[in-house]
N, C-alpha and C. Protein backbone atom coordinates (compact mmCIF):
# COMPACT_ATOMS: atom_id res chain seq x y z
N MET A 1 158.19 0.72 90.13
CA MET A 1 158.15 0.40 88.70
C MET A 1 157.47 1.54 87.94
N VAL A 2 158.10 2.04 86.87
CA VAL A 2 157.54 3.13 86.09
C VAL A 2 156.41 2.60 85.22
N PRO A 3 155.21 3.22 85.28
CA PRO A 3 154.08 2.76 84.45
C PRO A 3 154.42 2.84 82.97
N LYS A 4 153.89 1.89 82.21
CA LYS A 4 154.12 1.87 80.77
C LYS A 4 153.42 3.06 80.11
N LYS A 5 154.14 3.76 79.25
CA LYS A 5 153.51 4.85 78.52
C LYS A 5 152.56 4.29 77.47
N LYS A 6 151.48 5.02 77.22
CA LYS A 6 150.50 4.63 76.23
C LYS A 6 150.90 5.23 74.88
N SER A 7 151.07 4.40 73.87
CA SER A 7 151.47 4.90 72.56
C SER A 7 150.23 5.14 71.70
N VAL A 8 150.23 6.28 71.00
CA VAL A 8 149.03 6.71 70.28
C VAL A 8 149.36 7.17 68.86
N VAL A 9 148.47 6.81 67.94
CA VAL A 9 148.54 7.28 66.56
C VAL A 9 147.24 8.01 66.24
N ILE A 10 147.34 9.08 65.47
CA ILE A 10 146.17 9.85 65.04
C ILE A 10 145.86 9.51 63.59
N VAL A 11 144.59 9.26 63.29
CA VAL A 11 144.14 9.10 61.91
C VAL A 11 143.11 10.20 61.66
N GLU A 12 143.53 11.26 61.01
CA GLU A 12 142.70 12.47 60.85
C GLU A 12 143.13 13.22 59.59
N ASP A 13 142.18 13.60 58.73
CA ASP A 13 142.54 14.24 57.46
C ASP A 13 142.64 15.76 57.54
N ASP A 14 142.12 16.36 58.61
CA ASP A 14 142.18 17.81 58.77
C ASP A 14 143.54 18.18 59.37
N PRO A 15 144.42 18.85 58.59
CA PRO A 15 145.77 19.16 59.08
C PRO A 15 145.78 19.98 60.37
N GLU A 16 144.86 20.93 60.47
CA GLU A 16 144.82 21.78 61.65
C GLU A 16 144.44 20.97 62.89
N LEU A 17 143.42 20.12 62.77
CA LEU A 17 143.01 19.29 63.90
C LEU A 17 144.09 18.27 64.22
N GLN A 18 144.73 17.75 63.19
CA GLN A 18 145.82 16.80 63.39
C GLN A 18 146.92 17.42 64.24
N ARG A 19 147.30 18.67 63.91
CA ARG A 19 148.34 19.36 64.68
C ARG A 19 147.86 19.64 66.11
N HIS A 20 146.60 20.01 66.24
CA HIS A 20 146.03 20.29 67.56
C HIS A 20 146.08 19.05 68.45
N LEU A 21 145.67 17.92 67.91
CA LEU A 21 145.67 16.67 68.67
C LEU A 21 147.10 16.24 69.01
N ALA A 22 148.00 16.39 68.04
CA ALA A 22 149.40 16.02 68.28
C ALA A 22 149.99 16.84 69.43
N LYS A 23 149.67 18.13 69.47
CA LYS A 23 150.17 19.01 70.54
C LYS A 23 149.65 18.54 71.90
N ILE A 24 148.37 18.14 71.95
CA ILE A 24 147.79 17.65 73.20
C ILE A 24 148.50 16.38 73.67
N LEU A 25 148.73 15.46 72.74
CA LEU A 25 149.35 14.19 73.09
C LEU A 25 150.80 14.37 73.53
N LYS A 26 151.52 15.23 72.85
CA LYS A 26 152.93 15.44 73.18
C LYS A 26 153.10 16.08 74.56
N ALA A 27 152.08 16.78 75.01
CA ALA A 27 152.15 17.45 76.32
C ALA A 27 151.88 16.51 77.49
N ALA A 28 151.35 15.32 77.20
CA ALA A 28 151.01 14.36 78.26
C ALA A 28 152.23 13.49 78.59
N GLU A 29 152.63 13.48 79.84
CA GLU A 29 153.84 12.76 80.25
C GLU A 29 153.72 11.25 80.13
N ASP A 30 152.49 10.72 80.20
CA ASP A 30 152.32 9.26 80.16
C ASP A 30 151.91 8.75 78.79
N ILE A 31 152.08 9.58 77.75
CA ILE A 31 151.70 9.19 76.39
C ILE A 31 152.88 9.37 75.45
N THR A 32 153.07 8.39 74.57
CA THR A 32 154.06 8.50 73.51
C THR A 32 153.32 8.69 72.20
N PHE A 33 153.53 9.83 71.57
CA PHE A 33 152.88 10.12 70.29
C PHE A 33 153.73 9.52 69.17
N LEU A 34 153.15 8.55 68.43
CA LEU A 34 153.91 7.85 67.40
C LEU A 34 153.82 8.50 66.03
N GLY A 35 152.80 9.31 65.82
CA GLY A 35 152.66 9.95 64.52
C GLY A 35 151.21 10.06 64.09
N ALA A 36 151.00 10.61 62.90
CA ALA A 36 149.65 10.82 62.38
C ALA A 36 149.61 10.48 60.90
N VAL A 37 148.46 9.98 60.45
CA VAL A 37 148.22 9.71 59.04
C VAL A 37 146.89 10.37 58.66
N SER A 38 146.66 10.53 57.35
CA SER A 38 145.54 11.35 56.90
C SER A 38 144.40 10.60 56.23
N SER A 39 144.50 9.28 56.13
CA SER A 39 143.44 8.52 55.48
C SER A 39 143.41 7.09 56.02
N ALA A 40 142.28 6.43 55.79
CA ALA A 40 142.15 5.03 56.21
C ALA A 40 143.14 4.16 55.45
N GLU A 41 143.30 4.45 54.15
CA GLU A 41 144.21 3.66 53.33
C GLU A 41 145.65 3.77 53.83
N GLU A 42 146.06 4.98 54.19
CA GLU A 42 147.40 5.19 54.73
C GLU A 42 147.55 4.51 56.08
N ALA A 43 146.48 4.57 56.89
CA ALA A 43 146.51 3.94 58.21
C ALA A 43 146.69 2.43 58.09
N GLU A 44 145.98 1.83 57.14
CA GLU A 44 146.07 0.37 56.97
C GLU A 44 147.46 -0.07 56.54
N LYS A 45 148.19 0.79 55.84
CA LYS A 45 149.54 0.47 55.41
C LYS A 45 150.57 0.68 56.52
N LYS A 46 150.40 1.75 57.31
CA LYS A 46 151.45 2.16 58.23
C LYS A 46 151.23 1.79 59.69
N VAL A 47 149.98 1.84 60.15
CA VAL A 47 149.72 1.67 61.59
C VAL A 47 150.12 0.29 62.12
N PRO A 48 149.85 -0.83 61.39
CA PRO A 48 150.24 -2.13 61.95
C PRO A 48 151.71 -2.23 62.34
N SER A 49 152.59 -1.62 61.57
CA SER A 49 154.02 -1.68 61.89
C SER A 49 154.42 -0.71 63.01
N MET A 50 153.53 0.22 63.34
CA MET A 50 153.81 1.18 64.41
C MET A 50 153.43 0.61 65.78
N HIS A 51 152.55 -0.38 65.80
CA HIS A 51 152.13 -1.07 67.03
C HIS A 51 151.67 -0.12 68.14
N PRO A 52 150.72 0.76 67.86
CA PRO A 52 150.23 1.64 68.92
C PRO A 52 149.31 0.91 69.88
N ASP A 53 149.15 1.47 71.08
CA ASP A 53 148.16 0.95 72.02
C ASP A 53 146.77 1.49 71.68
N VAL A 54 146.75 2.75 71.23
CA VAL A 54 145.48 3.44 70.98
C VAL A 54 145.56 4.21 69.67
N VAL A 55 144.46 4.22 68.93
CA VAL A 55 144.34 5.07 67.75
C VAL A 55 143.17 6.03 67.96
N LEU A 56 143.42 7.32 67.71
CA LEU A 56 142.34 8.31 67.65
C LEU A 56 141.91 8.37 66.19
N MET A 57 140.69 7.93 65.90
CA MET A 57 140.25 7.71 64.52
C MET A 57 139.11 8.65 64.13
N ASP A 58 139.36 9.47 63.11
CA ASP A 58 138.29 10.28 62.54
C ASP A 58 137.31 9.35 61.85
N ILE A 59 136.02 9.57 62.06
CA ILE A 59 135.03 8.66 61.47
C ILE A 59 134.79 8.95 60.00
N ASN A 60 134.85 10.24 59.61
CA ASN A 60 134.55 10.63 58.23
C ASN A 60 135.83 11.00 57.49
N LEU A 61 136.54 9.99 57.04
CA LEU A 61 137.79 10.20 56.31
C LEU A 61 137.51 10.21 54.80
N PRO A 62 138.38 10.83 54.01
CA PRO A 62 138.21 10.77 52.55
C PRO A 62 138.45 9.34 52.08
N GLY A 63 137.65 8.89 51.13
CA GLY A 63 137.79 7.50 50.69
C GLY A 63 137.14 6.57 51.69
N LYS A 64 137.86 5.56 52.13
CA LYS A 64 137.33 4.60 53.09
C LYS A 64 137.08 5.26 54.43
N SER A 65 135.98 4.89 55.09
CA SER A 65 135.63 5.52 56.36
C SER A 65 136.46 5.00 57.51
N GLY A 66 136.46 5.76 58.60
CA GLY A 66 137.16 5.32 59.80
C GLY A 66 136.59 4.03 60.37
N ILE A 67 135.29 3.83 60.20
CA ILE A 67 134.65 2.60 60.69
C ILE A 67 135.19 1.39 59.96
N ASP A 68 135.30 1.48 58.62
CA ASP A 68 135.86 0.36 57.86
C ASP A 68 137.32 0.15 58.19
N CYS A 69 138.01 1.22 58.52
CA CYS A 69 139.43 1.12 58.85
C CYS A 69 139.64 0.33 60.14
N ILE A 70 138.72 0.46 61.09
CA ILE A 70 138.82 -0.30 62.34
C ILE A 70 138.91 -1.79 62.04
N ARG A 71 138.02 -2.23 61.18
CA ARG A 71 137.95 -3.67 60.86
C ARG A 71 139.29 -4.17 60.33
N GLU A 72 139.91 -3.41 59.44
CA GLU A 72 141.18 -3.83 58.85
C GLU A 72 142.31 -3.80 59.87
N LEU A 73 142.37 -2.75 60.68
CA LEU A 73 143.43 -2.65 61.67
C LEU A 73 143.33 -3.77 62.71
N LYS A 74 142.11 -4.12 63.08
CA LYS A 74 141.91 -5.17 64.09
C LYS A 74 142.39 -6.54 63.60
N LYS A 75 142.43 -6.73 62.29
CA LYS A 75 142.94 -8.00 61.75
C LYS A 75 144.41 -8.17 62.09
N HIS A 76 145.14 -7.07 62.10
CA HIS A 76 146.59 -7.11 62.38
C HIS A 76 146.90 -6.83 63.84
N LEU A 77 146.05 -6.02 64.48
CA LEU A 77 146.28 -5.62 65.87
C LEU A 77 145.00 -5.85 66.67
N PRO A 78 144.69 -7.11 66.98
CA PRO A 78 143.41 -7.42 67.64
C PRO A 78 143.22 -6.75 69.00
N GLU A 79 144.31 -6.38 69.66
CA GLU A 79 144.20 -5.77 70.98
C GLU A 79 144.24 -4.24 70.93
N LEU A 80 144.25 -3.70 69.72
CA LEU A 80 144.28 -2.25 69.54
C LEU A 80 143.01 -1.61 70.10
N GLU A 81 143.17 -0.51 70.82
CA GLU A 81 142.03 0.27 71.30
C GLU A 81 141.82 1.45 70.35
N VAL A 82 140.57 1.66 69.95
CA VAL A 82 140.26 2.73 69.01
C VAL A 82 139.23 3.67 69.62
N VAL A 83 139.56 4.94 69.66
CA VAL A 83 138.62 5.98 70.11
C VAL A 83 138.22 6.79 68.89
N MET A 84 136.93 6.77 68.57
CA MET A 84 136.44 7.49 67.40
C MET A 84 136.30 8.98 67.72
N LEU A 85 136.63 9.80 66.73
CA LEU A 85 136.46 11.25 66.83
C LEU A 85 135.48 11.69 65.74
N THR A 86 134.48 12.45 66.12
CA THR A 86 133.48 12.88 65.14
C THR A 86 132.99 14.29 65.46
N ALA A 87 132.52 14.96 64.42
CA ALA A 87 131.96 16.29 64.61
C ALA A 87 130.46 16.20 64.84
N TYR A 88 129.90 15.01 64.67
CA TYR A 88 128.45 14.85 64.77
C TYR A 88 128.08 13.74 65.74
N GLU A 89 126.84 13.76 66.20
CA GLU A 89 126.33 12.74 67.13
C GLU A 89 125.38 11.82 66.37
N GLU A 90 125.93 11.11 65.38
CA GLU A 90 125.10 10.28 64.52
C GLU A 90 124.90 8.90 65.13
N ASP A 91 123.64 8.56 65.43
CA ASP A 91 123.34 7.30 66.10
C ASP A 91 123.87 6.09 65.32
N ASP A 92 123.58 6.04 64.02
CA ASP A 92 123.97 4.86 63.23
C ASP A 92 125.48 4.65 63.26
N ASN A 93 126.23 5.74 63.10
CA ASN A 93 127.69 5.63 63.10
C ASN A 93 128.24 5.22 64.46
N ILE A 94 127.61 5.71 65.53
CA ILE A 94 128.05 5.32 66.87
C ILE A 94 128.01 3.81 67.02
N PHE A 95 126.89 3.21 66.66
CA PHE A 95 126.71 1.78 66.88
C PHE A 95 127.46 0.93 65.86
N ARG A 96 127.63 1.45 64.65
CA ARG A 96 128.44 0.73 63.66
C ARG A 96 129.90 0.67 64.13
N ALA A 97 130.40 1.78 64.65
CA ALA A 97 131.79 1.82 65.11
C ALA A 97 132.00 0.87 66.29
N LEU A 98 131.06 0.86 67.22
CA LEU A 98 131.18 -0.04 68.37
C LEU A 98 131.12 -1.50 67.93
N LYS A 99 130.28 -1.79 66.95
CA LYS A 99 130.17 -3.16 66.44
C LYS A 99 131.49 -3.62 65.82
N GLU A 100 132.20 -2.71 65.18
CA GLU A 100 133.48 -3.06 64.55
C GLU A 100 134.63 -3.12 65.55
N GLY A 101 134.39 -2.69 66.79
CA GLY A 101 135.43 -2.83 67.81
C GLY A 101 135.95 -1.56 68.41
N ALA A 102 135.31 -0.42 68.13
CA ALA A 102 135.73 0.83 68.77
C ALA A 102 135.52 0.74 70.27
N SER A 103 136.40 1.36 71.03
CA SER A 103 136.33 1.32 72.49
C SER A 103 135.67 2.55 73.08
N GLY A 104 135.64 3.63 72.31
CA GLY A 104 135.06 4.87 72.82
C GLY A 104 134.73 5.81 71.68
N TYR A 105 134.06 6.90 72.01
CA TYR A 105 133.53 7.78 70.98
C TYR A 105 133.48 9.19 71.53
N LEU A 106 134.24 10.11 70.94
CA LEU A 106 134.31 11.49 71.43
C LEU A 106 133.99 12.49 70.33
N LEU A 107 133.39 13.59 70.71
CA LEU A 107 133.19 14.69 69.78
C LEU A 107 134.53 15.42 69.58
N LYS A 108 134.75 15.93 68.37
CA LYS A 108 135.99 16.65 68.09
C LYS A 108 136.10 17.93 68.91
N THR A 109 134.98 18.39 69.43
CA THR A 109 134.98 19.59 70.27
C THR A 109 135.35 19.29 71.72
N SER A 110 135.64 18.02 72.03
CA SER A 110 136.04 17.65 73.39
C SER A 110 137.29 18.43 73.79
N ASN A 111 137.36 18.83 75.06
CA ASN A 111 138.53 19.59 75.49
C ASN A 111 139.75 18.67 75.66
N PRO A 112 140.95 19.23 75.68
CA PRO A 112 142.17 18.41 75.78
C PRO A 112 142.17 17.44 76.95
N ASN A 113 141.68 17.86 78.10
CA ASN A 113 141.65 16.97 79.27
C ASN A 113 140.79 15.75 79.01
N ASP A 114 139.66 15.94 78.32
CA ASP A 114 138.78 14.81 78.03
C ASP A 114 139.42 13.84 77.05
N ILE A 115 140.17 14.37 76.10
CA ILE A 115 140.84 13.51 75.12
C ILE A 115 141.91 12.66 75.79
N ILE A 116 142.72 13.27 76.64
CA ILE A 116 143.75 12.53 77.36
C ILE A 116 143.10 11.53 78.31
N ALA A 117 142.04 11.93 78.98
CA ALA A 117 141.34 11.02 79.91
C ALA A 117 140.79 9.82 79.15
N ALA A 118 140.29 10.03 77.93
CA ALA A 118 139.75 8.93 77.14
C ALA A 118 140.82 7.90 76.80
N ILE A 119 142.01 8.38 76.46
CA ILE A 119 143.12 7.47 76.15
C ILE A 119 143.50 6.68 77.40
N ARG A 120 143.57 7.35 78.53
CA ARG A 120 143.90 6.65 79.78
C ARG A 120 142.81 5.63 80.13
N ASP A 121 141.56 6.00 79.88
CA ASP A 121 140.45 5.11 80.21
C ASP A 121 140.47 3.83 79.39
N VAL A 122 140.67 3.95 78.07
CA VAL A 122 140.67 2.73 77.25
C VAL A 122 141.86 1.85 77.60
N PHE A 123 142.98 2.48 77.95
CA PHE A 123 144.16 1.72 78.35
C PHE A 123 143.91 0.95 79.63
N ALA A 124 143.00 1.49 80.48
CA ALA A 124 142.66 0.85 81.76
C ALA A 124 141.46 -0.08 81.65
N GLY A 125 140.94 -0.24 80.43
CA GLY A 125 139.82 -1.17 80.25
C GLY A 125 138.46 -0.54 80.30
N GLU A 126 138.38 0.79 80.27
CA GLU A 126 137.09 1.48 80.29
C GLU A 126 136.68 1.86 78.88
N SER A 127 135.43 2.36 78.75
CA SER A 127 134.90 2.78 77.45
C SER A 127 134.42 4.23 77.55
N PRO A 128 135.24 5.18 77.11
CA PRO A 128 134.87 6.59 77.25
C PRO A 128 133.92 7.06 76.16
N PHE A 129 132.95 7.88 76.56
CA PHE A 129 132.03 8.50 75.62
C PHE A 129 131.78 9.93 76.09
N SER A 130 131.75 10.88 75.16
CA SER A 130 131.44 12.25 75.54
C SER A 130 130.01 12.32 76.01
N GLY A 131 129.70 13.34 76.82
CA GLY A 131 128.38 13.47 77.43
C GLY A 131 127.23 13.35 76.47
N PRO A 132 127.20 14.13 75.37
CA PRO A 132 126.07 14.05 74.44
C PRO A 132 125.90 12.66 73.83
N ILE A 133 127.01 12.01 73.51
CA ILE A 133 126.93 10.68 72.91
C ILE A 133 126.47 9.66 73.95
N ALA A 134 126.97 9.78 75.17
CA ALA A 134 126.53 8.87 76.23
C ALA A 134 125.03 8.96 76.44
N ARG A 135 124.48 10.17 76.37
CA ARG A 135 123.02 10.33 76.54
C ARG A 135 122.26 9.66 75.40
N LYS A 136 122.76 9.79 74.18
CA LYS A 136 122.11 9.13 73.05
C LYS A 136 122.13 7.61 73.23
N MET A 137 123.26 7.09 73.70
CA MET A 137 123.36 5.65 73.92
C MET A 137 122.39 5.19 74.99
N ALA A 138 122.30 5.96 76.06
CA ALA A 138 121.38 5.61 77.15
C ALA A 138 119.94 5.55 76.65
N MET A 139 119.55 6.53 75.83
CA MET A 139 118.20 6.56 75.28
C MET A 139 117.95 5.36 74.38
N TYR A 140 118.95 5.06 73.54
CA TYR A 140 118.81 3.93 72.62
C TYR A 140 118.61 2.62 73.37
N PHE A 141 119.45 2.39 74.37
CA PHE A 141 119.36 1.12 75.08
C PHE A 141 118.18 1.06 76.04
N ARG A 142 117.69 2.21 76.47
CA ARG A 142 116.47 2.22 77.28
C ARG A 142 115.30 1.70 76.45
N GLU A 143 115.27 2.10 75.18
CA GLU A 143 114.23 1.60 74.27
C GLU A 143 114.43 0.12 73.99
N GLU A 144 115.68 -0.30 73.81
CA GLU A 144 115.97 -1.70 73.53
C GLU A 144 115.57 -2.60 74.69
N ARG A 145 115.75 -2.12 75.92
CA ARG A 145 115.44 -2.95 77.09
C ARG A 145 113.97 -3.31 77.18
N GLU A 146 113.13 -2.47 76.57
CA GLU A 146 111.70 -2.71 76.63
C GLU A 146 111.28 -3.91 75.79
N THR A 147 112.11 -4.27 74.82
CA THR A 147 111.73 -5.34 73.90
C THR A 147 112.65 -6.56 73.92
N GLN A 148 113.78 -6.48 74.62
CA GLN A 148 114.74 -7.57 74.55
C GLN A 148 115.50 -7.73 75.86
N ASP A 149 115.65 -9.00 76.30
CA ASP A 149 116.48 -9.29 77.46
C ASP A 149 117.92 -8.91 77.10
N GLU A 150 118.55 -8.07 77.91
CA GLU A 150 119.90 -7.60 77.61
C GLU A 150 120.88 -8.74 77.40
N ARG A 151 120.71 -9.83 78.14
CA ARG A 151 121.66 -10.94 78.02
C ARG A 151 121.61 -11.58 76.64
N GLU A 152 120.49 -11.41 75.94
CA GLU A 152 120.37 -11.98 74.61
C GLU A 152 121.20 -11.21 73.58
N THR A 153 121.68 -10.01 73.94
CA THR A 153 122.49 -9.22 73.01
C THR A 153 123.96 -9.66 73.01
N LEU A 154 124.35 -10.49 73.96
CA LEU A 154 125.74 -10.95 74.03
C LEU A 154 126.03 -11.95 72.92
N SER A 155 127.22 -11.85 72.34
CA SER A 155 127.66 -12.85 71.38
C SER A 155 127.98 -14.14 72.12
N PRO A 156 128.07 -15.28 71.42
CA PRO A 156 128.42 -16.54 72.09
C PRO A 156 129.73 -16.45 72.87
N ARG A 157 130.76 -15.77 72.33
CA ARG A 157 132.03 -15.67 73.02
C ARG A 157 131.90 -14.76 74.24
N GLU A 158 131.16 -13.68 74.12
CA GLU A 158 130.94 -12.80 75.26
C GLU A 158 130.21 -13.54 76.38
N ALA A 159 129.24 -14.36 75.99
CA ALA A 159 128.50 -15.15 76.99
C ALA A 159 129.43 -16.14 77.67
N GLU A 160 130.37 -16.74 76.91
CA GLU A 160 131.35 -17.67 77.49
C GLU A 160 132.22 -16.96 78.52
N VAL A 161 132.71 -15.78 78.15
CA VAL A 161 133.56 -15.01 79.06
C VAL A 161 132.81 -14.67 80.33
N LEU A 162 131.58 -14.20 80.20
CA LEU A 162 130.80 -13.82 81.38
C LEU A 162 130.48 -15.03 82.25
N LYS A 163 130.21 -16.16 81.63
CA LYS A 163 129.92 -17.38 82.39
C LYS A 163 131.12 -17.78 83.25
N LEU A 164 132.33 -17.70 82.68
CA LEU A 164 133.54 -18.05 83.43
C LEU A 164 133.81 -17.05 84.54
N LEU A 165 133.59 -15.77 84.27
CA LEU A 165 133.76 -14.76 85.31
C LEU A 165 132.79 -14.99 86.45
N ALA A 166 131.56 -15.36 86.12
CA ALA A 166 130.54 -15.62 87.14
C ALA A 166 130.89 -16.85 87.97
N ALA A 167 131.68 -17.76 87.36
CA ALA A 167 132.10 -18.96 88.07
C ALA A 167 133.31 -18.70 88.97
N GLY A 168 133.83 -17.47 88.95
CA GLY A 168 134.93 -17.11 89.84
C GLY A 168 136.30 -17.07 89.19
N TYR A 169 136.38 -17.28 87.88
CA TYR A 169 137.67 -17.23 87.20
C TYR A 169 138.16 -15.78 87.09
N ILE A 170 139.47 -15.57 87.24
CA ILE A 170 140.05 -14.25 87.02
C ILE A 170 140.37 -14.12 85.54
N HIS A 171 140.74 -12.90 85.11
CA HIS A 171 140.96 -12.65 83.68
C HIS A 171 141.96 -13.62 83.05
N LYS A 172 143.08 -13.88 83.74
CA LYS A 172 144.10 -14.77 83.17
C LYS A 172 143.56 -16.19 83.00
N GLU A 173 142.77 -16.64 83.95
CA GLU A 173 142.19 -17.98 83.86
C GLU A 173 141.17 -18.07 82.73
N VAL A 174 140.41 -17.00 82.55
CA VAL A 174 139.46 -16.97 81.43
C VAL A 174 140.23 -17.02 80.11
N ALA A 175 141.31 -16.24 80.04
CA ALA A 175 142.13 -16.22 78.83
C ALA A 175 142.69 -17.61 78.54
N ASP A 176 143.19 -18.28 79.56
CA ASP A 176 143.75 -19.63 79.37
C ASP A 176 142.68 -20.61 78.92
N GLN A 177 141.49 -20.52 79.51
CA GLN A 177 140.40 -21.43 79.18
C GLN A 177 139.96 -21.29 77.72
N LEU A 178 139.95 -20.04 77.23
CA LEU A 178 139.38 -19.78 75.90
C LEU A 178 140.44 -19.53 74.83
N GLY A 179 141.70 -19.64 75.20
CA GLY A 179 142.77 -19.44 74.23
C GLY A 179 142.89 -17.99 73.79
N LEU A 180 142.70 -17.06 74.71
CA LEU A 180 142.76 -15.64 74.43
C LEU A 180 143.92 -15.01 75.20
N THR A 181 144.17 -13.74 74.93
CA THR A 181 145.12 -13.00 75.74
C THR A 181 144.34 -12.24 76.82
N VAL A 182 145.02 -11.83 77.87
CA VAL A 182 144.36 -11.08 78.94
C VAL A 182 143.79 -9.77 78.42
N PRO A 183 144.52 -8.98 77.60
CA PRO A 183 143.93 -7.75 77.06
C PRO A 183 142.67 -8.00 76.24
N THR A 184 142.63 -9.13 75.52
CA THR A 184 141.43 -9.46 74.75
C THR A 184 140.26 -9.75 75.68
N VAL A 185 140.52 -10.43 76.78
CA VAL A 185 139.47 -10.68 77.76
C VAL A 185 138.95 -9.37 78.32
N ARG A 186 139.86 -8.44 78.60
CA ARG A 186 139.43 -7.13 79.10
C ARG A 186 138.53 -6.42 78.09
N THR A 187 138.87 -6.56 76.81
CA THR A 187 138.04 -5.96 75.77
C THR A 187 136.65 -6.57 75.77
N TYR A 188 136.58 -7.90 75.92
CA TYR A 188 135.27 -8.56 75.99
C TYR A 188 134.48 -8.06 77.20
N VAL A 189 135.16 -7.88 78.31
CA VAL A 189 134.48 -7.40 79.53
C VAL A 189 133.90 -6.02 79.28
N LYS A 190 134.64 -5.15 78.59
CA LYS A 190 134.14 -3.82 78.28
C LYS A 190 132.87 -3.91 77.43
N ARG A 191 132.90 -4.79 76.44
CA ARG A 191 131.73 -4.92 75.56
C ARG A 191 130.54 -5.49 76.32
N ILE A 192 130.82 -6.44 77.21
CA ILE A 192 129.74 -7.02 78.02
C ILE A 192 129.10 -5.95 78.89
N CYS A 193 129.93 -5.14 79.54
CA CYS A 193 129.40 -4.07 80.39
C CYS A 193 128.59 -3.09 79.57
N PHE A 194 129.08 -2.78 78.38
CA PHE A 194 128.37 -1.86 77.50
C PHE A 194 126.99 -2.42 77.12
N LYS A 195 126.94 -3.68 76.74
CA LYS A 195 125.68 -4.28 76.29
C LYS A 195 124.70 -4.49 77.44
N LEU A 196 125.22 -4.77 78.65
CA LEU A 196 124.35 -5.00 79.79
C LEU A 196 124.04 -3.72 80.56
N HIS A 197 124.62 -2.60 80.09
CA HIS A 197 124.35 -1.29 80.70
C HIS A 197 124.77 -1.24 82.17
N VAL A 198 125.96 -1.78 82.44
CA VAL A 198 126.50 -1.74 83.80
C VAL A 198 127.88 -1.10 83.75
N ARG A 199 128.40 -0.75 84.91
CA ARG A 199 129.66 -0.02 84.96
C ARG A 199 130.85 -0.86 85.37
N SER A 200 130.62 -2.11 85.77
CA SER A 200 131.75 -2.92 86.23
C SER A 200 131.49 -4.39 85.98
N LYS A 201 132.57 -5.16 86.08
CA LYS A 201 132.48 -6.61 85.92
C LYS A 201 131.57 -7.21 86.99
N VAL A 202 131.66 -6.71 88.21
CA VAL A 202 130.83 -7.23 89.30
C VAL A 202 129.35 -7.03 88.99
N GLU A 203 128.99 -5.84 88.51
CA GLU A 203 127.60 -5.59 88.16
C GLU A 203 127.14 -6.49 87.02
N ALA A 204 128.04 -6.76 86.06
CA ALA A 204 127.70 -7.65 84.95
C ALA A 204 127.42 -9.06 85.46
N ILE A 205 128.23 -9.54 86.39
CA ILE A 205 128.03 -10.89 86.96
C ILE A 205 126.72 -10.95 87.72
N ILE A 206 126.42 -9.92 88.49
CA ILE A 206 125.16 -9.88 89.26
C ILE A 206 123.98 -9.95 88.30
N LYS A 207 124.04 -9.18 87.21
CA LYS A 207 122.94 -9.19 86.24
C LYS A 207 122.84 -10.55 85.56
N TYR A 208 123.99 -11.16 85.26
CA TYR A 208 124.00 -12.48 84.62
C TYR A 208 123.35 -13.54 85.52
N LEU A 209 123.62 -13.45 86.81
CA LEU A 209 123.11 -14.44 87.75
C LEU A 209 121.67 -14.18 88.20
N SER A 210 121.16 -13.00 87.91
CA SER A 210 119.81 -12.65 88.39
C SER A 210 118.72 -13.28 87.56
């Protein structure tokens, strides 16, 4: 069986970077490049009808920000994966984007291999972050761990998902129990792993049960 190609849309206002990213995506055999738009407003009008699997989203767009755009796109495409692209390592923006549903966060200076790997990772249920940003996140959560039980950071729905996983349910069974889709459950698992600072579902269950 031929693996499903990952469809991608770019939301970026810099024409040169837009062309650079498009060239990278077109060269990948397992990716279908659907097109590019230059603003959050244009993305909100066009992207829902394009039905991409992944959006590469510039965080600092003219007018409405990329972070606000995530919220609007998720209303129409709840299973959409969004990888933020930024020229800066701004702590506040990193966490605001993740709160709105971003799956990963890369610097615009990331090399082509890292960009393609990030798209493959989010499609497989992982959360890619460039090295400098990952270090900032680690420092932030190391400080948070000193004052708060990590399990308390989970939302009620995330806690429900983790409880069912700990009880032995597989993703499809969790989805059936909670009225979700399997991709949505995978997204919750990614967020749970992120908040509990673990790398896998198994580690999250172990931490939950400890």
